[in-house]
Every structure is written in structure tokens, then in C-alpha cells.
């Protein structure tokens, strides 16, 4: 469902489900599981936990499609040769399965890291960065990108927002270049042909 439905529609719907008068609180109260409403969007701890949970819910289906596709395409003769040579399950996992998985998913994991640093839509559509209260008009659930958005739209603090944006780019570029040169897809390409 999370792949078929546009992400912003899913996020808006889920944000209403977790509202104080939303489906989750209503049914938990109705079934007697809780005695007072859970402050999903007003308590910083609950808001962070809920956002992480929803972000996982959105990202897992696509990652599972990638993982199952990779696992189905690992040559079976490699496992058969390993069994004949006396390898146990952990050795086959460490020497066959994991390297193949990292070879294909390495670039995806790297881009996902960068994408989650700049994951504006999840934060903005779920909580708008609220609850507020941190220094510099930052909310408890803000990422740098949503904080920069708030800085430019409501505070019109363009200078600081530009500097922070450039610094985020530089830090992410350095991390991406270092990790890109370490992932197996770049270093050992000939091993998987």
C-alpha cells in the first residue's frame, strides 16, 4: 500500500489517525488498552517515536522488494559448492549472501541516508516539526531541512538558513564520497560479474 499510494496522501492520512481524537486513540480508549489519550504529536518523545515508526512503515516495503529480488538472484550453485566444501549456514551467509546483498543495496542505502537527512515531507506532513520549544525556533521533531524551511518562510532569516544549507551539503558530500568509495559496488565490481 505504501508504494501504490502517493506518500503525501499516506502521511496526511496517518497524521490524522495518530491525532488526539484520531482512530488510534479512539480505539485504544474504546478497547480499554489505555485510560487517557496518548499525546502522539504534543509530547516530544512520542512525536519522535511515532515519526520513526511511520518512516519505517513507509520505507520497508520498497526495501523488502529489493531484498527479495536480490536473494532470488543469488546463484544456487554457490550455496551448493559451499555445502560440499563443508560451510555452515553462518559461513554461507557471511561469504555469499551478505556480500551480494551489500553489493546491490550499498548505493541504495547511501542514497537513503541522504534522502532521510532531507526527508522534508515526512516531518512536515506529520508534525510540522511540533512540538515547538528548542532553540532557534526549531521544533522537537524538526530535521535540518524543515528547520531551514521554517527559518526562511516564517522568520525570513535567509543568511543563517543559507549557511546551514551549504554546511549540510558539504558534510553530506564528504560522507557520501567516503562511503561510496568503501562500498563493495565500487571496490569489488569484478567479483560479482
N, C-alpha and C. Protein backbone atom coordinates (compact mmCIF):
# COMPACT_ATOMS: atom_id res chain seq x y z
N UNK A 1 0.81 -1.20 0.00
CA UNK A 1 0.00 0.00 0.00
C UNK A 1 0.86 1.27 0.00
N UNK A 2 1.98 1.25 0.74
CA UNK A 2 2.78 2.48 0.82
C UNK A 2 3.47 2.80 -0.49
N UNK A 3 3.63 1.81 -1.37
CA UNK A 3 4.24 2.08 -2.67
C UNK A 3 3.17 2.55 -3.65
N UNK A 4 1.98 1.96 -3.58
CA UNK A 4 0.92 2.26 -4.53
C UNK A 4 0.29 3.63 -4.29
N UNK A 5 0.17 4.03 -3.04
CA UNK A 5 -0.46 5.32 -2.71
C UNK A 5 0.63 6.38 -2.62
N UNK A 6 0.41 7.56 -3.19
CA UNK A 6 1.42 8.62 -3.07
C UNK A 6 1.75 8.89 -1.60
N UNK A 7 3.01 9.16 -1.34
CA UNK A 7 3.47 9.29 0.04
C UNK A 7 2.77 10.41 0.79
N UNK A 8 2.52 11.53 0.14
CA UNK A 8 1.90 12.63 0.87
C UNK A 8 0.48 12.29 1.29
N UNK A 9 -0.24 11.48 0.51
CA UNK A 9 -1.59 11.06 0.89
C UNK A 9 -1.51 10.14 2.11
N UNK A 10 -0.59 9.19 2.08
CA UNK A 10 -0.41 8.27 3.21
C UNK A 10 -0.04 9.04 4.47
N UNK A 11 0.87 9.99 4.35
CA UNK A 11 1.33 10.74 5.51
C UNK A 11 0.23 11.61 6.11
N UNK A 12 -0.55 12.26 5.26
CA UNK A 12 -1.64 13.08 5.78
C UNK A 12 -2.69 12.22 6.47
N UNK A 13 -3.00 11.07 5.90
CA UNK A 13 -3.97 10.17 6.50
C UNK A 13 -3.46 9.63 7.84
N UNK A 14 -2.21 9.22 7.88
CA UNK A 14 -1.64 8.66 9.10
C UNK A 14 -1.53 9.72 10.19
N UNK A 15 -1.22 10.96 9.81
CA UNK A 15 -1.14 12.02 10.82
C UNK A 15 -2.49 12.23 11.49
N UNK A 16 -3.57 12.09 10.75
CA UNK A 16 -4.91 12.21 11.34
C UNK A 16 -5.26 10.99 12.18
N UNK A 17 -4.75 9.83 11.80
CA UNK A 17 -5.00 8.62 12.60
C UNK A 17 -4.38 8.73 13.98
N UNK A 18 -3.20 9.35 14.08
CA UNK A 18 -2.50 9.46 15.34
C UNK A 18 -2.81 10.76 16.10
N UNK A 19 -3.76 11.53 15.62
CA UNK A 19 -4.15 12.77 16.32
C UNK A 19 -4.80 12.42 17.65
N UNK A 20 -4.96 13.43 18.51
CA UNK A 20 -5.56 13.20 19.84
C UNK A 20 -6.96 12.59 19.72
N UNK A 21 -7.73 13.00 18.72
CA UNK A 21 -9.07 12.44 18.52
C UNK A 21 -9.11 11.50 17.30
N UNK A 22 -7.96 10.96 16.93
CA UNK A 22 -7.87 10.09 15.77
C UNK A 22 -8.26 8.65 16.07
N UNK A 23 -8.18 7.83 15.06
CA UNK A 23 -8.59 6.42 15.17
C UNK A 23 -7.79 5.65 16.22
N UNK A 24 -6.50 5.86 16.27
CA UNK A 24 -5.65 5.08 17.19
C UNK A 24 -6.07 5.32 18.63
N UNK A 25 -6.11 6.58 19.05
CA UNK A 25 -6.51 6.89 20.42
C UNK A 25 -7.95 6.46 20.70
N UNK A 26 -8.85 6.68 19.75
CA UNK A 26 -10.26 6.33 19.95
C UNK A 26 -10.42 4.85 20.21
N UNK A 27 -9.78 4.02 19.38
CA UNK A 27 -9.94 2.58 19.56
C UNK A 27 -9.18 2.04 20.77
N UNK A 28 -8.02 2.60 21.06
CA UNK A 28 -7.31 2.16 22.26
C UNK A 28 -8.10 2.49 23.53
N UNK A 29 -8.74 3.65 23.55
CA UNK A 29 -9.61 4.00 24.69
C UNK A 29 -10.85 3.11 24.73
N UNK A 30 -11.43 2.87 23.58
CA UNK A 30 -12.65 2.05 23.48
C UNK A 30 -12.41 0.62 23.94
N UNK A 31 -11.26 0.07 23.59
CA UNK A 31 -10.94 -1.31 23.97
C UNK A 31 -10.38 -1.41 25.38
N UNK A 32 -10.15 -0.29 26.05
CA UNK A 32 -9.66 -0.30 27.42
C UNK A 32 -8.17 -0.55 27.54
N UNK A 33 -7.44 -0.43 26.46
CA UNK A 33 -5.99 -0.64 26.49
C UNK A 33 -5.30 0.54 27.18
N UNK A 34 -5.80 1.74 26.95
CA UNK A 34 -5.27 2.94 27.60
C UNK A 34 -6.42 3.65 28.32
N UNK A 35 -6.09 4.51 29.29
CA UNK A 35 -7.12 5.22 30.04
C UNK A 35 -7.15 6.70 29.72
N UNK A 36 -6.12 7.21 29.08
CA UNK A 36 -6.11 8.60 28.61
C UNK A 36 -5.43 8.63 27.26
N UNK A 37 -5.74 9.66 26.49
CA UNK A 37 -5.22 9.75 25.13
C UNK A 37 -3.69 9.86 25.13
N UNK A 38 -3.07 9.18 24.18
CA UNK A 38 -1.61 9.24 24.03
C UNK A 38 -1.28 10.51 23.23
N UNK A 39 -0.38 11.34 23.74
CA UNK A 39 -0.04 12.60 23.05
C UNK A 39 0.97 12.38 21.92
N UNK A 40 0.52 11.74 20.85
CA UNK A 40 1.43 11.39 19.76
C UNK A 40 2.14 12.61 19.17
N UNK A 41 1.45 13.74 19.01
CA UNK A 41 2.04 14.90 18.35
C UNK A 41 2.36 16.04 19.31
N UNK A 42 1.97 15.94 20.57
CA UNK A 42 2.24 17.05 21.51
C UNK A 42 3.38 16.75 22.47
N UNK A 43 3.72 15.50 22.69
CA UNK A 43 4.85 15.13 23.55
C UNK A 43 6.06 14.86 22.65
N UNK A 44 7.21 15.49 22.93
CA UNK A 44 8.38 15.30 22.04
C UNK A 44 8.81 13.85 21.89
N UNK A 45 8.82 13.08 22.97
CA UNK A 45 9.23 11.68 22.88
C UNK A 45 8.29 10.85 22.03
N UNK A 46 6.99 11.00 22.28
CA UNK A 46 6.00 10.27 21.49
C UNK A 46 6.04 10.71 20.03
N UNK A 47 6.22 12.01 19.78
CA UNK A 47 6.25 12.50 18.40
C UNK A 47 7.43 11.91 17.64
N UNK A 48 8.60 11.90 18.27
CA UNK A 48 9.77 11.32 17.60
C UNK A 48 9.59 9.83 17.34
N UNK A 49 9.10 9.10 18.34
CA UNK A 49 8.87 7.67 18.19
C UNK A 49 7.87 7.39 17.07
N UNK A 50 6.79 8.16 17.03
CA UNK A 50 5.76 7.95 16.02
C UNK A 50 6.30 8.24 14.62
N UNK A 51 7.08 9.30 14.49
CA UNK A 51 7.64 9.64 13.17
C UNK A 51 8.60 8.55 12.71
N UNK A 52 9.44 8.06 13.59
CA UNK A 52 10.36 6.98 13.21
C UNK A 52 9.59 5.73 12.80
N UNK A 53 8.57 5.38 13.56
CA UNK A 53 7.75 4.22 13.24
C UNK A 53 7.07 4.36 11.88
N UNK A 54 6.51 5.52 11.61
CA UNK A 54 5.83 5.75 10.33
C UNK A 54 6.83 5.77 9.18
N UNK A 55 8.00 6.35 9.40
CA UNK A 55 9.02 6.37 8.35
C UNK A 55 9.49 4.96 8.02
N UNK A 56 9.61 4.12 9.03
CA UNK A 56 9.95 2.71 8.79
C UNK A 56 8.84 2.03 8.00
N UNK A 57 7.60 2.29 8.39
CA UNK A 57 6.44 1.69 7.71
C UNK A 57 6.42 2.09 6.23
N UNK A 58 6.84 3.31 5.93
CA UNK A 58 6.84 3.77 4.54
C UNK A 58 8.01 3.16 3.76
N UNK A 59 9.16 3.00 4.40
CA UNK A 59 10.35 2.55 3.68
C UNK A 59 10.54 1.06 3.56
N UNK A 60 9.99 0.28 4.48
CA UNK A 60 10.22 -1.17 4.49
C UNK A 60 9.70 -1.88 3.24
N UNK A 61 8.50 -1.59 2.73
CA UNK A 61 8.04 -2.37 1.56
C UNK A 61 8.98 -2.29 0.36
N UNK A 62 9.48 -1.11 0.07
CA UNK A 62 10.39 -0.98 -1.07
C UNK A 62 11.69 -1.73 -0.82
N UNK A 63 12.22 -1.62 0.38
CA UNK A 63 13.45 -2.33 0.73
C UNK A 63 13.23 -3.84 0.68
N UNK A 64 12.07 -4.31 1.08
CA UNK A 64 11.78 -5.75 1.02
C UNK A 64 11.69 -6.23 -0.42
N UNK A 65 11.14 -5.42 -1.31
CA UNK A 65 11.12 -5.79 -2.73
C UNK A 65 12.54 -5.93 -3.27
N UNK A 66 13.40 -5.00 -2.91
CA UNK A 66 14.80 -5.06 -3.35
C UNK A 66 15.48 -6.30 -2.78
N UNK A 67 15.29 -6.52 -1.47
CA UNK A 67 15.98 -7.64 -0.81
C UNK A 67 15.52 -8.98 -1.36
N UNK A 68 14.23 -9.17 -1.55
CA UNK A 68 13.76 -10.46 -2.08
C UNK A 68 14.23 -10.66 -3.52
N UNK A 69 14.27 -9.59 -4.30
CA UNK A 69 14.79 -9.71 -5.66
C UNK A 69 16.25 -10.12 -5.69
N UNK A 70 17.05 -9.54 -4.79
CA UNK A 70 18.46 -9.89 -4.72
C UNK A 70 18.62 -11.34 -4.28
N UNK A 71 17.89 -11.72 -3.23
CA UNK A 71 18.03 -13.09 -2.70
C UNK A 71 17.64 -14.14 -3.73
N UNK A 72 16.63 -13.84 -4.55
CA UNK A 72 16.21 -14.81 -5.57
C UNK A 72 17.23 -14.92 -6.70
N UNK A 73 18.08 -13.90 -6.86
CA UNK A 73 19.03 -13.91 -7.97
C UNK A 73 20.45 -14.32 -7.59
N UNK A 74 20.66 -14.73 -6.34
CA UNK A 74 21.97 -15.26 -5.97
C UNK A 74 22.07 -16.67 -6.55
N UNK A 75 23.11 -16.96 -7.30
CA UNK A 75 23.22 -18.29 -7.92
C UNK A 75 23.22 -19.42 -6.89
N UNK A 76 22.34 -20.39 -7.09
CA UNK A 76 22.19 -21.51 -6.16
C UNK A 76 23.44 -22.39 -6.14
N UNK A 77 24.19 -22.42 -7.23
CA UNK A 77 25.38 -23.27 -7.27
C UNK A 77 26.46 -22.78 -6.29
N UNK A 78 26.43 -21.50 -5.94
CA UNK A 78 27.38 -21.02 -4.92
C UNK A 78 27.09 -21.66 -3.57
N UNK A 79 25.82 -21.75 -3.21
CA UNK A 79 25.45 -22.38 -1.94
C UNK A 79 25.74 -23.87 -1.97
N UNK A 80 25.49 -24.50 -3.11
CA UNK A 80 25.75 -25.94 -3.23
C UNK A 80 27.25 -26.22 -3.11
N UNK A 81 28.06 -25.39 -3.75
CA UNK A 81 29.52 -25.56 -3.64
C UNK A 81 29.99 -25.34 -2.21
N UNK A 82 29.41 -24.37 -1.54
CA UNK A 82 29.80 -24.10 -0.15
C UNK A 82 29.41 -25.26 0.76
N UNK A 83 28.23 -25.85 0.53
CA UNK A 83 27.81 -27.01 1.34
C UNK A 83 28.76 -28.19 1.12
N UNK A 84 29.15 -28.40 -0.12
CA UNK A 84 30.07 -29.50 -0.44
C UNK A 84 31.42 -29.28 0.24
N UNK A 85 31.84 -28.02 0.30
CA UNK A 85 33.11 -27.69 0.96
C UNK A 85 33.01 -27.69 2.47
N UNK A 86 31.81 -27.92 3.02
CA UNK A 86 31.64 -28.03 4.46
C UNK A 86 31.29 -26.73 5.18
N UNK A 87 30.82 -25.73 4.46
CA UNK A 87 30.46 -24.46 5.09
C UNK A 87 29.12 -24.60 5.82
N UNK A 88 29.03 -23.98 6.99
CA UNK A 88 27.75 -23.98 7.71
C UNK A 88 26.93 -22.77 7.26
N UNK A 89 25.74 -22.63 7.83
CA UNK A 89 24.82 -21.57 7.41
C UNK A 89 25.40 -20.18 7.65
N UNK A 90 26.06 -19.97 8.79
CA UNK A 90 26.63 -18.65 9.08
C UNK A 90 27.77 -18.31 8.12
N UNK A 91 28.59 -19.29 7.78
CA UNK A 91 29.68 -19.05 6.84
C UNK A 91 29.14 -18.72 5.45
N UNK A 92 28.08 -19.42 5.02
CA UNK A 92 27.48 -19.12 3.72
C UNK A 92 26.86 -17.72 3.72
N UNK A 93 26.24 -17.36 4.84
CA UNK A 93 25.66 -16.03 4.95
C UNK A 93 26.76 -14.96 4.87
N UNK A 94 27.84 -15.15 5.61
CA UNK A 94 28.91 -14.15 5.66
C UNK A 94 29.73 -14.05 4.38
N UNK A 95 29.85 -15.15 3.65
CA UNK A 95 30.71 -15.15 2.46
C UNK A 95 29.95 -15.08 1.13
N UNK A 96 28.66 -15.41 1.15
CA UNK A 96 27.89 -15.39 -0.11
C UNK A 96 26.75 -14.38 -0.04
N UNK A 97 25.82 -14.58 0.91
CA UNK A 97 24.60 -13.78 0.94
C UNK A 97 24.89 -12.32 1.25
N UNK A 98 25.58 -12.04 2.34
CA UNK A 98 25.83 -10.65 2.75
C UNK A 98 26.61 -9.86 1.71
N UNK A 99 27.69 -10.41 1.14
CA UNK A 99 28.39 -9.62 0.10
C UNK A 99 27.51 -9.30 -1.11
N UNK A 100 26.67 -10.25 -1.54
CA UNK A 100 25.78 -9.98 -2.65
C UNK A 100 24.76 -8.90 -2.29
N UNK A 101 24.22 -9.00 -1.07
CA UNK A 101 23.23 -8.01 -0.62
C UNK A 101 23.87 -6.62 -0.56
N UNK A 102 25.05 -6.52 0.01
CA UNK A 102 25.70 -5.21 0.14
C UNK A 102 26.14 -4.66 -1.21
N UNK A 103 26.49 -5.55 -2.12
CA UNK A 103 26.90 -5.11 -3.46
C UNK A 103 25.77 -4.35 -4.14
N UNK A 104 24.56 -4.89 -4.03
CA UNK A 104 23.42 -4.27 -4.72
C UNK A 104 22.80 -3.16 -3.88
N UNK A 105 22.67 -3.37 -2.58
CA UNK A 105 21.97 -2.39 -1.75
C UNK A 105 22.87 -1.27 -1.25
N UNK A 106 24.16 -1.38 -1.40
CA UNK A 106 25.07 -0.33 -0.93
C UNK A 106 24.72 1.05 -1.47
N UNK A 107 24.60 1.21 -2.79
CA UNK A 107 24.22 2.52 -3.32
C UNK A 107 22.83 2.97 -2.85
N UNK A 108 21.90 2.03 -2.73
CA UNK A 108 20.56 2.38 -2.26
C UNK A 108 20.60 2.87 -0.81
N UNK A 109 21.36 2.18 0.04
CA UNK A 109 21.47 2.60 1.44
C UNK A 109 22.13 3.97 1.55
N UNK A 110 23.11 4.23 0.72
CA UNK A 110 23.77 5.53 0.72
C UNK A 110 22.80 6.64 0.32
N UNK A 111 22.05 6.43 -0.73
CA UNK A 111 21.08 7.45 -1.15
C UNK A 111 19.93 7.57 -0.15
N UNK A 112 19.56 6.48 0.51
CA UNK A 112 18.52 6.55 1.54
C UNK A 112 18.98 7.37 2.73
N UNK A 113 20.24 7.24 3.10
CA UNK A 113 20.79 8.05 4.18
C UNK A 113 20.67 9.53 3.84
N UNK A 114 21.09 9.90 2.65
CA UNK A 114 20.99 11.29 2.23
C UNK A 114 19.54 11.73 2.12
N UNK A 115 18.69 10.86 1.61
CA UNK A 115 17.28 11.20 1.49
C UNK A 115 16.61 11.40 2.83
N UNK A 116 16.99 10.62 3.84
CA UNK A 116 16.38 10.77 5.15
C UNK A 116 16.89 12.01 5.88
N UNK A 117 18.09 12.46 5.58
CA UNK A 117 18.56 13.73 6.13
C UNK A 117 17.69 14.86 5.59
N UNK A 118 17.29 14.75 4.35
CA UNK A 118 16.47 15.77 3.68
C UNK A 118 15.01 15.32 3.52
N UNK A 119 14.51 14.54 4.46
CA UNK A 119 13.16 13.98 4.36
C UNK A 119 12.11 14.99 4.82
N UNK A 120 11.94 16.00 4.03
CA UNK A 120 11.05 17.11 4.36
C UNK A 120 9.60 16.66 4.52
N UNK A 121 9.11 15.88 3.56
CA UNK A 121 7.69 15.56 3.54
C UNK A 121 7.22 14.77 4.75
N UNK A 122 8.03 13.86 5.27
CA UNK A 122 7.59 13.06 6.42
C UNK A 122 7.39 13.96 7.63
N UNK A 123 8.36 14.79 7.94
CA UNK A 123 8.25 15.66 9.11
C UNK A 123 7.17 16.71 8.90
N UNK A 124 7.17 17.37 7.76
CA UNK A 124 6.25 18.47 7.55
C UNK A 124 4.80 18.00 7.49
N UNK A 125 4.53 16.89 6.83
CA UNK A 125 3.15 16.42 6.71
C UNK A 125 2.65 15.73 7.97
N UNK A 126 3.54 15.17 8.79
CA UNK A 126 3.10 14.50 10.01
C UNK A 126 2.98 15.46 11.19
N UNK A 127 4.03 16.22 11.46
CA UNK A 127 4.02 17.00 12.70
C UNK A 127 4.34 18.48 12.52
N UNK A 128 4.72 18.90 11.33
CA UNK A 128 5.16 20.26 11.07
C UNK A 128 6.31 20.66 12.00
N UNK A 129 7.05 19.70 12.52
CA UNK A 129 8.17 19.97 13.42
C UNK A 129 7.77 20.13 14.87
N UNK A 130 6.49 20.11 15.14
CA UNK A 130 5.99 20.33 16.50
C UNK A 130 6.23 19.10 17.35
N UNK A 131 6.22 19.19 18.63
CA UNK A 131 6.01 20.36 19.47
C UNK A 131 7.22 21.27 19.44
N UNK A 132 6.94 22.56 19.54
CA UNK A 132 7.98 23.58 19.49
C UNK A 132 8.68 23.67 20.85
N UNK A 133 9.78 24.42 20.88
CA UNK A 133 10.41 24.65 22.16
C UNK A 133 11.92 24.56 22.19
N UNK A 134 12.54 24.19 21.08
CA UNK A 134 14.00 24.15 21.08
C UNK A 134 14.56 25.51 20.67
N UNK A 135 15.84 25.68 20.83
CA UNK A 135 16.49 26.95 20.50
C UNK A 135 16.38 27.25 19.01
N UNK A 136 16.35 28.52 18.65
CA UNK A 136 16.34 28.92 17.26
C UNK A 136 15.05 28.62 16.55
N UNK A 137 13.95 28.57 17.27
CA UNK A 137 12.63 28.31 16.70
C UNK A 137 12.53 26.93 16.06
N UNK A 138 13.36 26.00 16.49
CA UNK A 138 13.30 24.63 15.98
C UNK A 138 12.32 23.82 16.81
N UNK A 139 11.59 22.95 16.14
CA UNK A 139 10.67 22.06 16.84
C UNK A 139 11.36 20.80 17.28
N UNK A 140 10.71 20.06 18.15
CA UNK A 140 11.30 18.83 18.70
C UNK A 140 11.45 17.74 17.66
N UNK A 141 10.66 17.78 16.61
CA UNK A 141 10.76 16.74 15.58
C UNK A 141 11.33 17.27 14.27
N UNK A 142 11.82 18.50 14.27
CA UNK A 142 12.38 19.08 13.05
C UNK A 142 13.66 18.38 12.63
N UNK A 143 13.82 18.21 11.34
CA UNK A 143 15.10 17.88 10.73
C UNK A 143 15.72 19.20 10.28
N UNK A 144 16.94 19.16 9.85
CA UNK A 144 17.56 20.40 9.38
C UNK A 144 16.77 21.03 8.24
N UNK A 145 16.25 20.20 7.35
CA UNK A 145 15.55 20.74 6.18
C UNK A 145 14.24 21.42 6.57
N UNK A 146 13.49 20.87 7.53
CA UNK A 146 12.24 21.51 7.95
C UNK A 146 12.53 22.74 8.80
N UNK A 147 13.61 22.71 9.55
CA UNK A 147 14.00 23.88 10.32
C UNK A 147 14.42 25.01 9.37
N UNK A 148 15.17 24.67 8.32
CA UNK A 148 15.55 25.68 7.33
C UNK A 148 14.33 26.25 6.64
N UNK A 149 13.37 25.41 6.33
CA UNK A 149 12.13 25.88 5.72
C UNK A 149 11.43 26.89 6.63
N UNK A 150 11.32 26.54 7.91
CA UNK A 150 10.68 27.45 8.86
C UNK A 150 11.47 28.75 8.97
N UNK A 151 12.79 28.65 8.96
CA UNK A 151 13.64 29.84 9.04
C UNK A 151 13.39 30.79 7.88
N UNK A 152 13.22 30.23 6.69
CA UNK A 152 13.06 31.09 5.52
C UNK A 152 11.62 31.57 5.33
N UNK A 153 10.64 30.77 5.70
CA UNK A 153 9.25 31.15 5.46
C UNK A 153 8.70 32.04 6.57
N UNK A 154 8.88 31.65 7.82
CA UNK A 154 8.26 32.43 8.90
C UNK A 154 9.21 33.43 9.53
N UNK A 155 10.49 33.13 9.62
CA UNK A 155 11.44 34.03 10.27
C UNK A 155 12.18 34.93 9.28
N UNK A 156 12.14 34.61 8.02
CA UNK A 156 12.90 35.28 6.96
C UNK A 156 14.36 35.50 7.34
N UNK A 157 14.95 34.47 7.89
CA UNK A 157 16.35 34.50 8.29
C UNK A 157 17.17 33.80 7.21
N UNK A 158 17.29 34.44 6.06
CA UNK A 158 17.89 33.81 4.89
C UNK A 158 19.38 33.56 5.03
N UNK A 159 20.07 34.44 5.71
CA UNK A 159 21.53 34.30 5.81
C UNK A 159 21.92 33.03 6.56
N UNK A 160 21.35 32.83 7.74
CA UNK A 160 21.68 31.65 8.54
C UNK A 160 21.20 30.38 7.84
N UNK A 161 20.02 30.45 7.22
CA UNK A 161 19.49 29.28 6.51
C UNK A 161 20.41 28.89 5.35
N UNK A 162 20.93 29.88 4.63
CA UNK A 162 21.82 29.59 3.51
C UNK A 162 23.12 28.95 4.00
N UNK A 163 23.67 29.48 5.08
CA UNK A 163 24.92 28.93 5.62
C UNK A 163 24.71 27.50 6.09
N UNK A 164 23.62 27.26 6.81
CA UNK A 164 23.35 25.90 7.30
C UNK A 164 23.11 24.95 6.13
N UNK A 165 22.37 25.40 5.12
CA UNK A 165 22.14 24.57 3.94
C UNK A 165 23.42 24.19 3.24
N UNK A 166 24.34 25.14 3.09
CA UNK A 166 25.62 24.85 2.46
C UNK A 166 26.44 23.90 3.32
N UNK A 167 26.42 24.10 4.64
CA UNK A 167 27.16 23.20 5.53
C UNK A 167 26.61 21.78 5.47
N UNK A 168 25.29 21.64 5.43
CA UNK A 168 24.68 20.31 5.30
C UNK A 168 25.14 19.65 4.01
N UNK A 169 25.15 20.41 2.92
CA UNK A 169 25.61 19.87 1.65
C UNK A 169 27.05 19.39 1.73
N UNK A 170 27.93 20.20 2.31
CA UNK A 170 29.34 19.85 2.40
C UNK A 170 29.53 18.58 3.23
N UNK A 171 28.88 18.53 4.39
CA UNK A 171 29.01 17.35 5.26
C UNK A 171 28.47 16.10 4.56
N UNK A 172 27.29 16.21 3.94
CA UNK A 172 26.73 15.06 3.22
C UNK A 172 27.59 14.66 2.03
N UNK A 173 28.15 15.62 1.32
CA UNK A 173 29.01 15.30 0.18
C UNK A 173 30.25 14.54 0.62
N UNK A 174 30.88 14.98 1.71
CA UNK A 174 32.07 14.30 2.22
C UNK A 174 31.72 12.88 2.66
N UNK A 175 30.64 12.73 3.44
CA UNK A 175 30.23 11.40 3.90
C UNK A 175 29.92 10.50 2.72
N UNK A 176 29.18 11.01 1.72
CA UNK A 176 28.83 10.21 0.55
C UNK A 176 30.06 9.80 -0.25
N UNK A 177 31.02 10.70 -0.43
CA UNK A 177 32.22 10.34 -1.18
C UNK A 177 33.04 9.28 -0.46
N UNK A 178 33.17 9.41 0.86
CA UNK A 178 33.92 8.41 1.62
C UNK A 178 33.23 7.06 1.57
N UNK A 179 31.94 7.04 1.86
CA UNK A 179 31.22 5.76 1.89
C UNK A 179 31.12 5.16 0.50
N UNK A 180 30.91 5.99 -0.52
CA UNK A 180 30.82 5.49 -1.89
C UNK A 180 32.09 4.75 -2.29
N UNK A 181 33.23 5.24 -1.84
CA UNK A 181 34.50 4.58 -2.18
C UNK A 181 34.75 3.34 -1.33
N UNK A 182 33.97 3.13 -0.27
CA UNK A 182 34.13 1.95 0.58
C UNK A 182 33.15 0.82 0.26
N UNK A 183 32.03 1.13 -0.38
CA UNK A 183 31.03 0.09 -0.61
C UNK A 183 31.53 -0.91 -1.66
N UNK A 184 31.10 -2.16 -1.53
CA UNK A 184 31.58 -3.21 -2.44
C UNK A 184 31.22 -2.98 -3.90
N UNK A 185 30.18 -2.24 -4.18
CA UNK A 185 29.77 -2.00 -5.57
C UNK A 185 30.84 -1.29 -6.36
N UNK A 186 31.66 -0.50 -5.69
CA UNK A 186 32.72 0.24 -6.37
C UNK A 186 34.04 -0.50 -6.29
N UNK A 187 34.34 -1.06 -5.12
CA UNK A 187 35.64 -1.68 -4.90
C UNK A 187 35.80 -3.02 -5.59
N UNK A 188 34.77 -3.87 -5.51
CA UNK A 188 34.91 -5.26 -5.97
C UNK A 188 33.92 -5.59 -7.08
N UNK A 189 33.77 -4.72 -8.04
CA UNK A 189 32.78 -4.96 -9.07
C UNK A 189 33.04 -6.24 -9.85
N UNK A 190 34.30 -6.55 -10.08
CA UNK A 190 34.62 -7.76 -10.85
C UNK A 190 34.28 -9.05 -10.13
N UNK A 191 34.12 -9.00 -8.81
CA UNK A 191 33.78 -10.21 -8.04
C UNK A 191 32.35 -10.67 -8.31
N UNK A 192 31.48 -9.80 -8.80
CA UNK A 192 30.07 -10.12 -8.91
C UNK A 192 29.59 -10.17 -10.35
N UNK A 193 30.50 -10.30 -11.29
CA UNK A 193 30.09 -10.36 -12.69
C UNK A 193 29.94 -11.79 -13.13
